[in-house]
Amino acid sequence: MYDQEQLKKLSETRKIWEEKELNKSLSRSPEMKETFTTGSGDSIQRLYTPEDIQDQDFFEEIGFPGQYPYTRGYQPTMYRGRLWTMRMYAGFSTAEESNKRYKYLVEQGSTGLSVAFDLPTQIGYDSDHPLAEGEVGKVGVAIDSLADMEILFDGIQLDQVSTSMTINAPASVLLAMYIAVAEKQGVSPDKLRGTIQNDILKEYIARGTYIFPTEESMRLITNIFEYCSENVPQWNTISISGYHIREAGSTAAQEVGFTLADGIAYVEAAIKAGLDVDAFAPRLSFFFNAHNDLLEEVAKYRAARRLWAKIMKERFGAKKPQSMMLKFHTQTGGSTLTAQQPDNNIVRVAIQTLAAVLGGTQSLHTNSKDEALALPTEDSVRIALRTQQIVAHESGVTNTVDPLAGSYYVEAKTKEIEDQAMAYIKKIDEIGGAPKAIDAGYIQQEITDAAYKYQMDVEKGEVVVVGMNKYKIAEKAPQGLLKVDPAVGEMQKQKLITLKEKRNNEAVKEKLDALKKACQGTENVMPLILEAVKEYATLGEICGVMREVFGEYEQSVML
């Protein structure tokens, strides 16, 4: 990338600078610490120059936006042509309450919805199940049937909004409910735009809301790929998630490596099921975290984009440019928020927003300042949304594409993260792929070790968390937090009683029997789930049939 004579001159000039300027400065004012590190714990040099990126080929590694390997973004004009989708994550209590929040967000300028489901919904139980007791509506909205989904999107025209649903093990059921609501609105499935998370591997790794064993879960995912490629072509059929891997304590490189390894497993499963890579790969999407180390995060996104393009082209022989493009949603880091001095979280989220935008995200959710304490209030949600809008319209960072390209540090860090992530992928390949690496506990252990190291550094004060382990103040107990009414559980139970009295229970049994037969065979189960949903079979009933046939996953115990 650079002329060798110029590099030689640079090296000589740097030595002179070190002798005449740097050493003199260090003798007068020593640096604050011996070693400087990124948020992931990687060492950072004092100075980066063209020497650090001399082996990089501009055309092969950096290039132009909209061209392979997409390091600089997958759109030639990026935000000069269209801003990212401002998609606020919301859902709590009942469908009625969440519907009010969605309408409020749209009024405040949100350009996409992101649905948070409560814990029973996430693991496929109705609100009247014994295991749902005390959890209904607490961390998201309770959705037991199509009737709840109809209320959730009442007054929101589904061909006019992009919707993301954070649901994994029962993703096929919630997607079927969404399609059914759209049809009742007169919106055909081919008009629907959005994303379903549908990433079960990261649930085994980092989050825990799994239901079925690995093989059966992968079948459900590939069934969704196949069904949507034919019937819901604008829908992103999976959001391969590094977010929760990072929330569990991984480094930036681990987030990229483990996430892309999961992506490889999904592509392999789809190809094994008989799908053509170029038929489904354009609808794959990714979901990454945004942490506080701004420049490391920017490099992380650029590295992930470049590495995925190479994997799709070289490993899977993808031909369509869209099959090689890593399109991703970002959420600011929930684990970086502090309960102490929660107003500080506004600043953290602003930095993380900049990282995501400078890294080229297609969609962004900003966390609210009070989320370390409770579900966010309307006021705090509005501030979080305004953070995106200020960055979009006032910061100037959207006026040029990939503005940090060419930074010696950012380009060197991009390459470093790419190499570290690829090393993890090779190790996982040696184990036999992501599912086997998960079953062996390898990925979980790597994340646990990284999380432990970070926590020890925080406790020793080597990592400063403002307001928590340094710059502490006496604080009053927080006021005005959002609380979910405990009566929500009883309300949902009553809804289920009424639903089962009014629906055609014979038709429900017929559809559930047909689904059970399909589960026992090899056919795509999505059409059968959709038919059951339309008869108002509940989430718990449908997942119960699949539990009966598929069994349940048991997590490996790490010693």
Protein backbone atom coordinates (compact mmCIF):
# COMPACT_ATOMS: atom_id res chain seq x y z
CA MET A 1 0.00 0.00 0.00
CA TYR A 2 2.99 2.27 0.63
CA ASP A 3 6.28 2.82 -1.23
CA GLN A 4 9.15 0.97 0.45
CA GLU A 5 11.47 3.97 0.25
CA GLN A 6 8.84 6.10 1.96
CA LEU A 7 8.38 3.46 4.67
CA LYS A 8 12.14 3.37 5.26
CA LYS A 9 12.21 7.14 5.57
CA LEU A 10 9.22 6.99 7.94
CA SER A 11 11.00 4.48 10.17
CA GLU A 12 14.12 6.63 10.35
CA THR A 13 12.12 9.78 11.02
CA ARG A 14 10.15 8.06 13.76
CA LYS A 15 13.36 7.07 15.56
CA ILE A 16 14.51 10.69 15.46
CA TRP A 17 11.11 11.82 16.81
CA GLU A 18 11.33 9.29 19.64
CA GLU A 19 14.81 10.44 20.62
CA LYS A 20 14.25 14.18 20.34
CA GLU A 21 10.60 14.64 21.25
CA LEU A 22 9.04 11.58 22.83
CA ASN A 23 11.74 10.70 25.36
CA LYS A 24 12.01 14.33 26.44
CA SER A 25 8.27 14.49 26.98
CA LEU A 26 8.20 11.21 28.92
CA SER A 27 10.96 12.39 31.22
CA ARG A 28 8.97 15.54 32.04
CA SER A 29 5.55 13.91 32.26
CA PRO A 30 5.35 10.08 32.38
CA GLU A 31 2.27 8.42 30.90
CA MET A 32 -0.57 7.58 33.29
CA LYS A 33 0.04 3.83 33.11
CA GLU A 34 2.49 1.37 31.65
CA THR A 35 0.04 -0.44 29.41
CA PHE A 36 -2.98 0.94 27.57
CA THR A 37 -5.64 -1.50 26.43
CA THR A 38 -8.91 -1.57 24.52
CA GLY A 39 -12.22 -2.38 26.15
CA SER A 40 -11.49 -6.01 25.23
CA GLY A 41 -8.10 -5.94 26.95
CA ASP A 42 -5.92 -5.85 23.82
CA SER A 43 -2.80 -3.70 24.07
CA ILE A 44 -2.72 -0.39 22.19
CA GLN A 45 0.43 1.15 20.80
CA ARG A 46 1.28 4.74 21.60
CA LEU A 47 1.27 5.72 17.94
CA TYR A 48 0.11 4.17 14.70
CA THR A 49 1.63 5.04 11.32
CA PRO A 50 1.60 3.64 7.77
CA GLU A 51 4.10 1.03 9.01
CA ASP A 52 1.24 -0.68 10.88
CA ILE A 53 -0.84 -1.16 7.73
CA GLN A 54 1.91 -1.51 5.13
CA ASP A 55 0.88 -5.07 4.25
CA GLN A 56 -2.73 -4.14 3.54
CA ASP A 57 -3.79 -3.90 -0.08
CA PHE A 58 -6.23 -1.01 -0.46
CA PHE A 59 -8.20 -2.67 -3.25
CA GLU A 60 -8.39 -6.12 -1.62
CA GLU A 61 -8.85 -5.13 2.04
CA ILE A 62 -10.38 -1.65 2.16
CA GLY A 63 -11.74 -0.71 -1.24
CA PHE A 64 -14.88 1.28 -1.93
CA PRO A 65 -18.29 1.22 -0.23
CA GLY A 66 -20.81 -0.98 -1.96
CA GLN A 67 -18.08 -3.25 -3.38
CA TYR A 68 -16.58 -6.53 -2.15
CA PRO A 69 -15.33 -7.05 0.56
CA TYR A 70 -17.67 -4.33 1.88
CA THR A 71 -15.26 -3.16 4.58
CA ARG A 72 -16.51 0.38 4.07
CA GLY A 73 -20.20 -0.49 3.99
CA TYR A 74 -22.58 -2.29 1.67
CA GLN A 75 -24.17 0.85 0.19
CA PRO A 76 -22.15 3.20 -2.07
CA THR A 77 -23.68 6.31 -0.45
CA MET A 78 -24.54 4.92 3.01
CA TYR A 79 -26.27 7.57 5.14
CA ARG A 80 -26.09 10.26 2.45
CA GLY A 81 -28.87 8.32 0.72
CA ARG A 82 -30.79 6.90 3.68
CA LEU A 83 -30.35 6.96 7.44
CA TRP A 84 -30.30 3.79 9.49
CA THR A 85 -33.61 2.50 10.83
CA MET A 86 -34.20 3.94 14.30
CA ARG A 87 -35.74 0.89 15.89
CA MET A 88 -36.58 1.20 19.58
CA TYR A 89 -36.86 -2.08 21.51
CA ALA A 90 -40.09 -2.09 23.51
CA GLY A 91 -42.68 -4.36 25.05
CA PHE A 92 -44.04 -4.84 28.54
CA SER A 93 -47.14 -5.91 30.42
CA THR A 94 -50.05 -6.61 28.08
CA ALA A 95 -50.47 -6.23 24.34
CA GLU A 96 -52.69 -3.21 25.04
CA GLU A 97 -49.96 -1.39 27.01
CA SER A 98 -47.24 -2.23 24.51
CA ASN A 99 -49.42 -1.05 21.63
CA LYS A 100 -49.64 2.37 23.32
CA ARG A 101 -45.82 2.49 23.63
CA TYR A 102 -45.36 1.58 19.95
CA LYS A 103 -47.70 4.36 18.86
CA TYR A 104 -45.83 6.79 21.11
CA LEU A 105 -42.49 5.79 19.58
CA VAL A 106 -43.80 6.22 16.04
CA GLU A 107 -45.10 9.67 17.00
CA GLN A 108 -41.66 10.58 18.34
CA GLY A 109 -39.94 9.64 15.07
CA SER A 110 -39.03 5.97 15.45
CA THR A 111 -38.81 4.40 11.98
CA GLY A 112 -39.01 0.78 13.08
CA LEU A 113 -40.50 -1.32 15.87
CA SER A 114 -38.64 -3.94 17.88
CA VAL A 115 -40.77 -6.27 19.99
CA ALA A 116 -39.63 -7.45 23.41
CA PHE A 117 -41.49 -10.56 24.61
CA ASP A 118 -41.84 -11.67 28.21
CA LEU A 119 -39.95 -14.70 29.48
CA PRO A 120 -42.82 -17.23 29.28
CA THR A 121 -43.40 -16.28 25.63
CA GLN A 122 -39.67 -16.62 24.92
CA ILE A 123 -39.64 -20.21 26.17
CA GLY A 124 -42.96 -21.24 24.65
CA TYR A 125 -45.31 -21.22 27.64
CA ASP A 126 -48.74 -19.62 27.90
CA SER A 127 -49.35 -17.16 30.71
CA ASP A 128 -51.38 -19.73 32.67
CA HIS A 129 -48.53 -22.28 32.82
CA PRO A 130 -47.17 -22.86 36.36
CA LEU A 131 -43.67 -21.87 35.24
CA ALA A 132 -45.01 -18.50 34.03
CA GLU A 133 -46.16 -17.51 37.52
CA GLY A 134 -44.72 -14.12 38.49
CA GLU A 135 -43.04 -13.56 35.11
CA VAL A 136 -45.95 -12.53 32.88
CA GLY A 137 -45.33 -9.17 31.20
CA LYS A 138 -42.21 -8.43 33.25
CA VAL A 139 -39.37 -8.21 30.69
CA GLY A 140 -41.54 -7.87 27.63
CA VAL A 141 -45.06 -8.26 26.35
CA ALA A 142 -47.07 -11.43 26.96
CA ILE A 143 -48.27 -13.01 23.70
CA ASP A 144 -50.33 -16.16 24.13
CA SER A 145 -52.25 -16.27 20.86
CA LEU A 146 -53.13 -14.50 17.64
CA ALA A 147 -55.68 -12.50 19.65
CA ASP A 148 -52.85 -10.85 21.61
CA MET A 149 -50.86 -10.20 18.44
CA GLU A 150 -53.90 -8.51 16.86
CA ILE A 151 -54.09 -6.14 19.84
CA LEU A 152 -50.32 -5.54 19.81
CA PHE A 153 -50.42 -4.14 16.27
CA ASP A 154 -53.88 -2.58 16.37
CA GLY A 155 -53.83 0.67 14.38
CA ILE A 156 -50.33 -0.01 13.02
CA GLN A 157 -50.41 -0.85 9.31
CA LEU A 158 -47.86 -3.61 8.83
CA ASP A 159 -46.98 -2.73 5.25
CA GLN A 160 -45.95 0.73 6.47
CA VAL A 161 -43.53 -0.28 9.21
CA SER A 162 -40.46 -2.49 9.61
CA THR A 163 -40.75 -4.79 12.62
CA SER A 164 -38.09 -6.76 14.44
CA MET A 165 -39.09 -9.50 16.86
CA THR A 166 -36.64 -10.69 19.49
CA ILE A 167 -37.76 -14.29 19.67
CA ASN A 168 -35.80 -17.48 19.13
CA ALA A 169 -36.98 -20.96 20.14
CA PRO A 170 -40.67 -20.24 19.24
CA ALA A 171 -39.74 -17.88 16.37
CA SER A 172 -41.79 -19.85 13.84
CA VAL A 173 -44.94 -19.40 15.94
CA LEU A 174 -44.55 -15.64 16.47
CA LEU A 175 -43.71 -15.11 12.80
CA ALA A 176 -46.84 -17.05 11.85
CA MET A 177 -48.90 -14.81 14.16
CA TYR A 178 -47.41 -11.71 12.52
CA ILE A 179 -48.23 -13.01 9.03
CA ALA A 180 -51.78 -13.83 10.15
CA VAL A 181 -52.29 -10.32 11.61
CA ALA A 182 -51.04 -8.80 8.35
CA GLU A 183 -53.48 -10.92 6.33
CA LYS A 184 -56.33 -9.73 8.56
CA GLN A 185 -55.24 -6.16 7.76
CA GLY A 186 -55.31 -7.00 4.04
CA VAL A 187 -51.51 -7.00 3.77
CA SER A 188 -50.03 -9.91 1.81
CA PRO A 189 -46.89 -11.62 3.19
CA ASP A 190 -44.73 -10.40 0.30
CA LYS A 191 -45.25 -6.81 1.53
CA LEU A 192 -43.92 -7.46 5.05
CA ARG A 193 -40.54 -6.04 6.05
CA GLY A 194 -38.65 -6.83 9.19
CA THR A 195 -36.50 -9.33 11.02
CA ILE A 196 -37.03 -12.26 13.32
CA GLN A 197 -34.10 -13.06 15.60
CA ASN A 198 -34.45 -16.84 15.22
CA ASP A 199 -30.86 -17.46 16.42
CA ILE A 200 -30.98 -20.49 18.69
CA LEU A 201 -27.23 -21.19 18.80
CA LYS A 202 -26.50 -18.04 20.79
CA GLU A 203 -29.25 -19.08 23.22
CA TYR A 204 -27.27 -22.23 24.00
CA ILE A 205 -24.11 -20.11 24.27
CA ALA A 206 -25.13 -17.03 26.19
CA ARG A 207 -28.79 -16.42 26.91
CA GLY A 208 -30.68 -19.58 27.84
CA THR A 209 -34.15 -19.23 26.30
CA TYR A 210 -33.90 -22.45 24.32
CA ILE A 211 -36.52 -25.18 24.12
CA PHE A 212 -35.68 -27.93 21.65
CA PRO A 213 -32.50 -29.95 21.00
CA THR A 214 -29.94 -28.63 18.53
CA GLU A 215 -30.89 -30.69 15.49
CA GLU A 216 -34.61 -30.03 15.77
CA SER A 217 -34.01 -26.32 16.38
CA MET A 218 -31.89 -26.12 13.24
CA ARG A 219 -34.71 -27.82 11.32
CA LEU A 220 -37.18 -25.15 12.45
CA ILE A 221 -34.77 -22.40 11.39
CA THR A 222 -34.18 -23.83 7.92
CA ASN A 223 -37.95 -24.34 7.56
CA ILE A 224 -38.34 -20.60 8.12
CA PHE A 225 -35.58 -19.87 5.56
CA GLU A 226 -37.37 -21.98 2.96
CA TYR A 227 -40.87 -20.72 3.69
CA CYS A 228 -39.91 -17.03 3.69
CA SER A 229 -37.80 -17.26 0.53
CA GLU A 230 -40.98 -18.33 -1.26
CA ASN A 231 -43.68 -16.42 0.64
CA VAL A 232 -42.17 -13.52 2.63
CA PRO A 233 -39.27 -12.44 0.40
CA GLN A 234 -38.55 -9.07 2.06
CA TRP A 235 -38.30 -10.57 5.54
CA ASN A 236 -34.90 -11.10 7.19
CA THR A 237 -35.23 -14.69 8.33
CA ILE A 238 -32.58 -14.63 11.03
CA SER A 239 -30.63 -12.08 13.03
CA ILE A 240 -27.43 -13.91 13.89
CA SER A 241 -26.67 -12.38 17.22
CA GLY A 242 -23.37 -11.36 18.72
CA TYR A 243 -25.17 -8.95 21.02
CA HIS A 244 -25.89 -11.49 23.74
CA ILE A 245 -22.45 -13.06 23.35
CA ARG A 246 -20.95 -9.66 24.17
CA GLU A 247 -23.45 -9.09 26.99
CA ALA A 248 -22.27 -12.37 28.50
CA GLY A 249 -18.74 -10.96 28.69
CA SER A 250 -16.95 -11.74 25.42
CA THR A 251 -14.29 -9.58 23.84
CA ALA A 252 -14.92 -7.76 20.56
CA ALA A 253 -13.01 -10.39 18.58
CA GLN A 254 -14.92 -13.21 20.29
CA GLU A 255 -18.19 -11.47 19.45
CA VAL A 256 -17.24 -11.47 15.77
CA GLY A 257 -15.70 -14.94 15.70
CA PHE A 258 -18.44 -16.78 17.58
CA THR A 259 -21.23 -14.92 15.77
CA LEU A 260 -19.85 -15.67 12.32
CA ALA A 261 -19.22 -19.29 13.35
CA ASP A 262 -22.93 -19.52 14.19
CA GLY A 263 -23.67 -17.96 10.80
CA ILE A 264 -21.57 -20.61 9.09
CA ALA A 265 -23.55 -23.31 10.90
CA TYR A 266 -26.87 -21.86 9.69
CA VAL A 267 -25.65 -21.63 6.11
CA GLU A 268 -24.39 -25.21 6.22
CA ALA A 269 -27.69 -26.43 7.67
CA ALA A 270 -29.67 -24.65 4.96
CA ILE A 271 -27.48 -26.04 2.18
CA LYS A 272 -27.78 -29.53 3.71
CA ALA A 273 -31.58 -29.09 3.64
CA GLY A 274 -31.35 -28.55 -0.11
CA LEU A 275 -31.51 -24.75 -0.32
CA ASP A 276 -29.36 -22.80 -2.77
CA VAL A 277 -27.05 -20.40 -0.95
CA ASP A 278 -28.00 -17.46 -3.15
CA ALA A 279 -31.70 -18.13 -2.51
CA PHE A 280 -31.54 -17.53 1.25
CA ALA A 281 -28.24 -15.76 2.04
CA PRO A 282 -29.43 -12.26 1.01
CA ARG A 283 -32.04 -12.40 3.81
CA LEU A 284 -29.56 -13.29 6.55
CA SER A 285 -28.90 -10.45 8.95
CA PHE A 286 -26.73 -9.92 12.01
CA PHE A 287 -27.08 -8.25 15.39
CA PHE A 288 -24.11 -6.70 17.19
CA ASN A 289 -23.43 -4.90 20.43
CA ALA A 290 -22.03 -1.39 20.79
CA HIS A 291 -19.66 -0.91 23.71
CA ASN A 292 -17.80 2.12 25.03
CA ASP A 293 -14.42 1.77 23.28
CA LEU A 294 -15.47 3.78 20.25
CA LEU A 295 -12.58 3.03 17.90
CA GLU A 296 -12.40 -0.68 18.76
CA GLU A 297 -16.12 -0.97 18.08
CA VAL A 298 -15.85 0.77 14.70
CA ALA A 299 -13.03 -1.60 13.75
CA LYS A 300 -15.13 -4.55 14.92
CA TYR A 301 -18.00 -3.78 12.55
CA ARG A 302 -15.64 -3.24 9.61
CA ALA A 303 -13.81 -6.50 10.37
CA ALA A 304 -17.07 -8.47 10.62
CA ARG A 305 -18.27 -7.13 7.28
CA ARG A 306 -15.04 -7.99 5.50
CA LEU A 307 -14.68 -11.44 7.05
CA TRP A 308 -18.28 -12.48 6.28
CA ALA A 309 -17.90 -11.42 2.65
CA LYS A 310 -14.81 -13.60 2.33
CA ILE A 311 -16.53 -16.56 4.03
CA MET A 312 -19.57 -16.40 1.77
CA LYS A 313 -17.52 -16.04 -1.40
CA GLU A 314 -14.64 -18.40 -0.69
CA ARG A 315 -16.22 -21.01 1.58
CA PHE A 316 -19.75 -21.22 0.20
CA GLY A 317 -19.28 -20.05 -3.38
CA ALA A 318 -21.97 -17.38 -3.19
CA LYS A 319 -22.41 -15.57 -6.49
CA LYS A 320 -24.86 -12.75 -5.70
CA PRO A 321 -23.29 -9.65 -4.17
CA GLN A 322 -26.25 -9.51 -1.74
CA SER A 323 -25.28 -12.95 -0.43
CA MET A 324 -21.89 -11.60 0.69
CA MET A 325 -23.15 -8.44 2.38
CA LEU A 326 -23.20 -8.46 6.16
CA LYS A 327 -26.19 -6.30 7.07
CA PHE A 328 -26.58 -5.71 10.77
CA HIS A 329 -28.67 -4.19 13.53
CA THR A 330 -26.92 -2.73 16.56
CA GLN A 331 -28.05 -2.22 20.12
CA THR A 332 -26.11 -0.18 22.62
CA GLY A 333 -24.57 -2.21 25.43
CA GLY A 334 -26.99 -3.06 28.20
CA SER A 335 -24.18 -4.50 30.33
CA THR A 336 -22.34 -1.16 30.22
CA LEU A 337 -25.18 0.68 31.95
CA THR A 338 -24.88 1.40 35.65
CA ALA A 339 -27.54 1.65 38.34
CA GLN A 340 -25.29 4.24 40.00
CA GLN A 341 -25.65 7.78 38.60
CA PRO A 342 -27.95 6.59 35.78
CA ASP A 343 -27.75 9.95 33.97
CA ASN A 344 -24.18 8.94 33.04
CA ASN A 345 -25.75 6.25 30.86
CA ILE A 346 -26.97 8.95 28.46
CA VAL A 347 -23.32 9.77 27.68
CA ARG A 348 -22.37 6.11 27.33
CA VAL A 349 -25.23 5.53 24.90
CA ALA A 350 -24.22 8.58 22.85
CA ILE A 351 -20.66 7.21 22.46
CA GLN A 352 -22.02 3.78 21.53
CA THR A 353 -24.40 5.35 19.03
CA LEU A 354 -21.47 7.08 17.35
CA ALA A 355 -19.58 3.78 17.22
CA ALA A 356 -22.47 2.01 15.51
CA VAL A 357 -23.00 4.80 12.99
CA LEU A 358 -19.30 5.26 12.23
CA GLY A 359 -19.15 1.46 11.81
CA GLY A 360 -21.98 1.48 9.25
CA THR A 361 -24.98 -0.08 10.99
CA GLN A 362 -28.27 -0.47 9.09
CA SER A 363 -30.48 -0.34 12.16
CA LEU A 364 -29.99 0.85 15.71
CA HIS A 365 -31.64 0.62 19.11
CA THR A 366 -30.42 2.92 21.84
CA ASN A 367 -30.87 1.83 25.44
CA SER A 368 -32.48 4.15 27.96
CA LYS A 369 -30.70 5.59 30.97
CA ASP A 370 -32.81 3.71 33.54
CA GLU A 371 -32.54 0.20 32.09
CA ALA A 372 -30.07 -0.93 34.74
CA LEU A 373 -32.90 -0.36 37.21
CA ALA A 374 -36.17 -1.15 35.44
CA LEU A 375 -38.03 -1.09 32.15
CA PRO A 376 -37.63 2.39 30.64
CA THR A 377 -40.12 5.19 31.14
CA GLU A 378 -41.49 7.21 28.23
CA ASP A 379 -39.20 10.14 29.10
CA SER A 380 -36.04 8.01 29.10
CA VAL A 381 -37.06 6.26 25.88
CA ARG A 382 -37.52 9.63 24.23
CA ILE A 383 -34.02 10.75 25.29
CA ALA A 384 -32.59 7.51 23.87
CA LEU A 385 -34.35 8.08 20.56
CA ARG A 386 -33.30 11.73 20.50
CA THR A 387 -29.70 10.57 20.89
CA GLN A 388 -29.95 8.81 17.53
CA GLN A 389 -31.67 11.78 15.94
CA ILE A 390 -29.00 14.24 17.15
CA VAL A 391 -26.22 12.02 15.82
CA ALA A 392 -28.12 11.68 12.53
CA HIS A 393 -28.88 15.35 11.99
CA GLU A 394 -26.39 17.40 14.02
CA SER A 395 -23.09 15.55 14.40
CA GLY A 396 -21.98 15.62 10.75
CA VAL A 397 -20.73 12.02 10.83
CA THR A 398 -23.36 10.94 8.27
CA ASN A 399 -22.13 13.35 5.60
CA THR A 400 -19.36 11.12 4.24
CA VAL A 401 -19.05 7.36 3.89
CA ASP A 402 -16.88 5.45 6.39
CA PRO A 403 -15.16 8.61 7.68
CA LEU A 404 -12.58 6.74 9.78
CA ALA A 405 -11.23 4.73 6.83
CA GLY A 406 -7.52 5.31 6.41
CA SER A 407 -6.94 5.90 10.11
CA TYR A 408 -3.75 3.99 10.81
CA TYR A 409 -5.14 2.77 14.11
CA VAL A 410 -8.62 1.86 12.85
CA GLU A 411 -7.28 -0.01 9.81
CA ALA A 412 -4.71 -1.87 11.94
CA LYS A 413 -7.36 -2.71 14.54
CA THR A 414 -9.79 -3.88 11.84
CA LYS A 415 -7.19 -6.34 10.59
CA GLU A 416 -6.30 -7.46 14.12
CA ILE A 417 -9.93 -8.24 15.01
CA GLU A 418 -10.45 -10.00 11.68
CA ASP A 419 -7.41 -12.22 12.30
CA GLN A 420 -8.43 -12.98 15.91
CA ALA A 421 -11.99 -13.81 14.86
CA MET A 422 -10.77 -16.07 12.05
CA ALA A 423 -8.58 -17.95 14.52
CA TYR A 424 -11.67 -18.68 16.63
CA ILE A 425 -13.58 -19.85 13.55
CA LYS A 426 -10.75 -22.23 12.62
CA LYS A 427 -10.72 -23.65 16.15
CA ILE A 428 -14.49 -24.18 16.03
CA ASP A 429 -14.12 -25.87 12.63
CA GLU A 430 -11.56 -28.25 14.19
CA ILE A 431 -14.08 -29.16 16.90
CA GLY A 432 -16.69 -29.91 14.24
CA GLY A 433 -18.65 -26.66 13.91
CA ALA A 434 -20.55 -24.34 16.20
CA PRO A 435 -23.19 -26.83 17.46
CA LYS A 436 -20.50 -29.30 18.54
CA ALA A 437 -18.37 -26.53 20.03
CA ILE A 438 -21.41 -25.43 22.03
CA ASP A 439 -22.19 -28.97 23.20
CA ALA A 440 -18.53 -29.32 24.25
CA GLY A 441 -18.75 -26.06 26.22
CA TYR A 442 -15.80 -24.51 24.34
CA ILE A 443 -17.47 -21.24 23.35
CA GLN A 444 -19.14 -20.80 26.74
CA GLN A 445 -15.81 -21.31 28.52
CA GLU A 446 -13.98 -18.78 26.36
CA ILE A 447 -16.65 -16.17 27.13
CA THR A 448 -16.62 -17.03 30.84
CA ASP A 449 -12.84 -16.57 31.00
CA ALA A 450 -13.04 -13.19 29.25
CA ALA A 451 -15.89 -12.03 31.51
CA TYR A 452 -14.01 -13.09 34.65
CA LYS A 453 -10.87 -11.22 33.60
CA TYR A 454 -12.86 -8.05 32.90
CA GLN A 455 -14.67 -8.24 36.24
CA MET A 456 -11.40 -8.70 38.11
CA ASP A 457 -9.96 -5.65 36.33
CA VAL A 458 -13.01 -3.62 37.39
CA GLU A 459 -12.76 -4.78 41.00
CA LYS A 460 -9.03 -3.95 41.11
CA GLY A 461 -9.74 -0.52 39.63
CA GLU A 462 -7.65 -1.18 36.52
CA VAL A 463 -10.80 -0.58 34.46
CA VAL A 464 -12.64 2.57 35.51
CA VAL A 465 -16.44 2.57 35.46
CA VAL A 466 -17.41 6.15 36.21
CA GLY A 467 -19.81 6.45 39.12
CA MET A 468 -19.43 2.81 40.13
CA ASN A 469 -15.80 2.17 41.10
CA LYS A 470 -14.60 5.79 40.78
CA TYR A 471 -16.15 9.26 41.10
CA LYS A 472 -18.86 7.91 43.37
CA ILE A 473 -21.43 10.15 45.07
CA ALA A 474 -24.12 9.70 47.71
CA GLU A 475 -27.40 9.05 45.90
CA LYS A 476 -31.05 8.95 46.82
CA ALA A 477 -33.15 5.92 45.92
CA PRO A 478 -34.32 6.19 42.29
CA GLN A 479 -37.77 7.64 41.75
CA GLY A 480 -40.43 7.26 39.03
CA LEU A 481 -39.36 3.85 37.73
CA LEU A 482 -41.75 1.91 35.52
CA LYS A 483 -43.36 -1.03 37.31
CA VAL A 484 -45.49 -3.75 35.76
CA ASP A 485 -48.77 -4.37 37.58
CA PRO A 486 -48.69 -7.85 39.19
CA ALA A 487 -52.33 -8.24 38.09
CA VAL A 488 -51.14 -8.66 34.47
CA GLY A 489 -50.71 -12.41 34.99
CA GLU A 490 -54.31 -12.84 36.12
CA MET A 491 -55.54 -10.69 33.24
CA GLN A 492 -53.72 -12.88 30.73
CA LYS A 493 -55.10 -16.04 32.34
CA GLN A 494 -58.64 -14.68 31.99
CA LYS A 495 -57.99 -13.83 28.34
CA LEU A 496 -56.98 -17.45 27.73
CA ILE A 497 -60.13 -18.78 29.39
CA THR A 498 -62.29 -16.51 27.22
CA LEU A 499 -60.33 -17.40 24.07
CA LYS A 500 -60.76 -21.13 24.57
CA GLU A 501 -64.47 -20.71 25.19
CA LYS A 502 -65.01 -18.77 21.96
CA ARG A 503 -62.72 -20.48 19.46
CA ASN A 504 -63.49 -23.65 17.46
CA ASN A 505 -61.71 -26.20 19.64
CA GLU A 506 -62.32 -29.06 17.22
CA ALA A 507 -60.56 -27.11 14.49
CA VAL A 508 -57.71 -26.33 16.88
CA LYS A 509 -57.27 -30.04 17.70
CA GLU A 510 -57.32 -30.92 14.02
CA LYS A 511 -54.59 -28.37 13.22
CA LEU A 512 -52.45 -29.43 16.18
CA ASP A 513 -52.73 -33.09 15.16
CA ALA A 514 -51.63 -32.16 11.64
CA LEU A 515 -48.68 -30.23 13.06
CA LYS A 516 -47.67 -33.19 15.23
CA LYS A 517 -47.68 -35.48 12.19
CA ALA A 518 -45.55 -32.98 10.25
CA CYS A 519 -43.08 -32.73 13.14
CA GLN A 520 -42.74 -36.52 13.13
CA GLY A 521 -41.90 -36.42 9.42
CA THR A 522 -39.64 -34.23 7.34
CA GLU A 523 -41.96 -31.68 5.72
CA ASN A 524 -41.75 -27.95 6.35
CA VAL A 525 -43.77 -27.21 9.49
CA MET A 526 -44.29 -23.46 8.87
CA PRO A 527 -47.55 -23.84 6.87
CA LEU A 528 -48.96 -26.12 9.60
CA ILE A 529 -48.01 -23.66 12.35
CA LEU A 530 -49.66 -20.84 10.39
CA GLU A 531 -52.87 -22.85 10.03
CA ALA A 532 -52.91 -23.60 13.77
CA VAL A 533 -52.30 -19.96 14.64
CA LYS A 534 -55.21 -18.83 12.45
CA GLU A 535 -57.53 -21.10 14.46
CA TYR A 536 -56.25 -19.39 17.63
CA ALA A 537 -54.19 -22.29 18.90
CA THR A 538 -52.03 -20.82 21.64
CA LEU A 539 -48.28 -20.48 21.72
CA GLY A 540 -48.08 -23.00 24.56
CA GLU A 541 -50.24 -25.52 22.73
CA ILE A 542 -48.17 -25.32 19.56
CA CYS A 543 -44.84 -25.47 21.40
CA GLY A 544 -46.26 -28.27 23.53
CA VAL A 545 -46.81 -30.39 20.42
CA MET A 546 -43.25 -29.75 19.31
CA ARG A 547 -41.90 -30.48 22.81
CA GLU A 548 -43.72 -33.81 22.72
CA VAL A 549 -42.15 -34.79 19.40
CA PHE A 550 -38.73 -33.11 19.58
CA GLY A 551 -37.96 -33.26 23.31
CA GLU A 552 -36.06 -30.53 25.15
CA TYR A 553 -32.43 -29.42 25.13
CA GLU A 554 -30.26 -30.07 28.17
CA GLN A 555 -27.33 -27.72 28.66
CA SER A 556 -23.84 -29.16 29.14
CA VAL A 557 -22.39 -28.67 32.60
CA MET A 558 -19.01 -26.93 32.63
CA LEU A 559 -16.70 -28.09 35.39
